[in-house]
């Protein structure tokens, strides 16, 4: 998974930014949306436990 760094927008909203290997921004989304998507998804270890 790409490393994400947190930033704040002008209005104070927390943001996640994904950068490529050269350090350029690839994707920026709100922390709220990114965190919600992370919670909906299960990790490899969680999937193994449920079997």
N, C-alpha and C. Protein backbone atom coordinates (compact mmCIF):
# COMPACT_ATOMS: atom_id res chain seq x y z
N UNK A 1 0.84 -1.18 0.00
CA UNK A 1 0.00 0.00 0.00
C UNK A 1 0.89 1.24 0.00
N UNK A 2 0.45 2.26 -0.68
CA UNK A 2 1.21 3.51 -0.75
C UNK A 2 1.18 4.21 0.60
N UNK A 3 2.27 4.87 0.91
CA UNK A 3 2.33 5.61 2.16
C UNK A 3 1.53 6.89 2.03
N UNK A 4 0.71 7.15 3.04
CA UNK A 4 -0.11 8.36 3.02
C UNK A 4 0.35 9.31 4.12
N UNK A 5 0.38 10.58 3.81
CA UNK A 5 0.70 11.60 4.80
C UNK A 5 -0.53 12.44 5.04
N UNK A 6 -0.64 12.99 6.24
CA UNK A 6 -1.81 13.80 6.56
C UNK A 6 -1.48 15.28 6.41
N UNK A 7 -2.44 16.03 5.96
CA UNK A 7 -2.35 17.47 5.79
C UNK A 7 -3.67 18.07 6.23
N UNK A 8 -3.74 19.38 6.26
CA UNK A 8 -4.99 20.07 6.54
C UNK A 8 -5.29 21.05 5.40
N UNK A 9 -6.56 21.10 5.03
CA UNK A 9 -6.98 22.05 3.99
C UNK A 9 -7.10 23.44 4.61
N UNK A 10 -7.38 24.42 3.77
CA UNK A 10 -7.55 25.79 4.28
C UNK A 10 -8.70 25.88 5.27
N UNK A 11 -9.74 25.08 5.02
CA UNK A 11 -10.91 25.12 5.91
C UNK A 11 -10.70 24.30 7.18
N UNK A 12 -9.57 23.59 7.28
CA UNK A 12 -9.26 22.83 8.49
C UNK A 12 -9.59 21.36 8.40
N UNK A 13 -10.09 20.90 7.25
CA UNK A 13 -10.42 19.50 7.06
C UNK A 13 -9.15 18.68 6.95
N UNK A 14 -9.11 17.55 7.65
CA UNK A 14 -7.94 16.68 7.60
C UNK A 14 -7.91 15.93 6.27
N UNK A 15 -6.75 15.87 5.62
CA UNK A 15 -6.60 15.25 4.32
C UNK A 15 -5.52 14.16 4.34
N UNK A 16 -5.69 13.17 3.48
CA UNK A 16 -4.67 12.17 3.23
C UNK A 16 -4.10 12.44 1.85
N UNK A 17 -2.78 12.44 1.72
CA UNK A 17 -2.15 12.64 0.43
C UNK A 17 -1.25 11.45 0.11
N UNK A 18 -1.38 10.91 -1.10
CA UNK A 18 -0.54 9.81 -1.56
C UNK A 18 0.44 10.38 -2.57
N UNK A 19 1.71 10.05 -2.41
CA UNK A 19 2.75 10.55 -3.31
C UNK A 19 3.38 9.40 -4.08
N UNK A 20 3.91 9.73 -5.26
CA UNK A 20 4.64 8.71 -6.02
C UNK A 20 6.10 8.70 -5.56
N UNK A 21 6.94 7.90 -6.21
CA UNK A 21 8.33 7.77 -5.80
C UNK A 21 9.13 9.06 -5.93
N UNK A 22 8.70 9.94 -6.84
CA UNK A 22 9.38 11.22 -7.03
C UNK A 22 8.89 12.29 -6.05
N UNK A 23 7.88 11.96 -5.25
CA UNK A 23 7.38 12.90 -4.26
C UNK A 23 6.22 13.75 -4.74
N UNK A 24 5.72 13.49 -5.96
CA UNK A 24 4.60 14.26 -6.49
C UNK A 24 3.29 13.67 -5.97
N UNK A 25 2.30 14.54 -5.78
CA UNK A 25 1.00 14.07 -5.32
C UNK A 25 0.32 13.24 -6.40
N UNK A 26 -0.18 12.07 -6.01
CA UNK A 26 -0.92 11.19 -6.92
C UNK A 26 -2.41 11.28 -6.60
N UNK A 27 -2.73 11.27 -5.31
CA UNK A 27 -4.13 11.27 -4.89
C UNK A 27 -4.25 12.04 -3.58
N UNK A 28 -5.28 12.87 -3.48
CA UNK A 28 -5.58 13.57 -2.23
C UNK A 28 -7.06 13.36 -1.95
N UNK A 29 -7.38 12.88 -0.77
CA UNK A 29 -8.78 12.74 -0.39
C UNK A 29 -8.95 13.05 1.09
N UNK A 30 -10.17 13.33 1.48
CA UNK A 30 -10.42 13.68 2.88
C UNK A 30 -10.16 12.48 3.77
N UNK A 31 -9.72 12.76 4.97
CA UNK A 31 -9.44 11.71 5.95
C UNK A 31 -10.71 10.91 6.22
N UNK A 32 -11.84 11.59 6.29
CA UNK A 32 -13.11 10.93 6.59
C UNK A 32 -13.45 9.87 5.54
N UNK A 33 -13.30 10.20 4.26
CA UNK A 33 -13.60 9.24 3.19
C UNK A 33 -12.59 8.10 3.15
N UNK A 34 -11.31 8.43 3.30
CA UNK A 34 -10.26 7.42 3.24
C UNK A 34 -10.37 6.46 4.42
N UNK A 35 -10.63 6.99 5.60
CA UNK A 35 -10.75 6.18 6.80
C UNK A 35 -11.96 5.26 6.70
N UNK A 36 -13.08 5.77 6.19
CA UNK A 36 -14.28 4.96 6.00
C UNK A 36 -14.03 3.80 5.05
N UNK A 37 -13.30 4.06 3.97
CA UNK A 37 -12.97 3.01 3.00
C UNK A 37 -12.05 1.96 3.63
N UNK A 38 -11.11 2.40 4.48
CA UNK A 38 -10.20 1.48 5.15
C UNK A 38 -10.96 0.54 6.10
N UNK A 39 -11.93 1.08 6.79
CA UNK A 39 -12.70 0.28 7.75
C UNK A 39 -13.57 -0.75 7.03
N UNK A 40 -14.12 -0.39 5.87
CA UNK A 40 -14.96 -1.32 5.11
C UNK A 40 -14.16 -2.50 4.57
N UNK A 41 -12.88 -2.27 4.30
CA UNK A 41 -12.01 -3.30 3.74
C UNK A 41 -11.38 -4.12 4.86
N UNK A 42 -11.18 -5.41 4.64
CA UNK A 42 -10.53 -6.26 5.64
C UNK A 42 -9.09 -6.54 5.22
N UNK A 43 -8.22 -6.66 6.21
CA UNK A 43 -6.82 -6.96 5.96
C UNK A 43 -6.61 -8.45 5.74
N UNK A 44 -5.41 -8.82 5.29
CA UNK A 44 -5.10 -10.23 5.02
C UNK A 44 -5.22 -11.07 6.28
N UNK A 45 -4.74 -10.57 7.40
CA UNK A 45 -4.79 -11.33 8.65
C UNK A 45 -6.22 -11.50 9.15
N UNK A 46 -7.06 -10.49 8.95
CA UNK A 46 -8.46 -10.59 9.37
C UNK A 46 -9.20 -11.61 8.52
N UNK A 47 -8.88 -11.68 7.23
CA UNK A 47 -9.53 -12.64 6.36
C UNK A 47 -9.18 -14.08 6.75
N UNK A 48 -7.92 -14.31 7.15
CA UNK A 48 -7.49 -15.65 7.55
C UNK A 48 -8.20 -16.12 8.82
N UNK A 49 -8.43 -15.22 9.75
CA UNK A 49 -9.06 -15.57 11.01
C UNK A 49 -10.51 -16.02 10.83
N UNK A 50 -11.20 -15.42 9.84
CA UNK A 50 -12.62 -15.72 9.65
C UNK A 50 -12.85 -17.09 9.01
N UNK A 51 -11.82 -17.69 8.42
CA UNK A 51 -12.00 -19.00 7.76
C UNK A 51 -12.06 -20.13 8.72
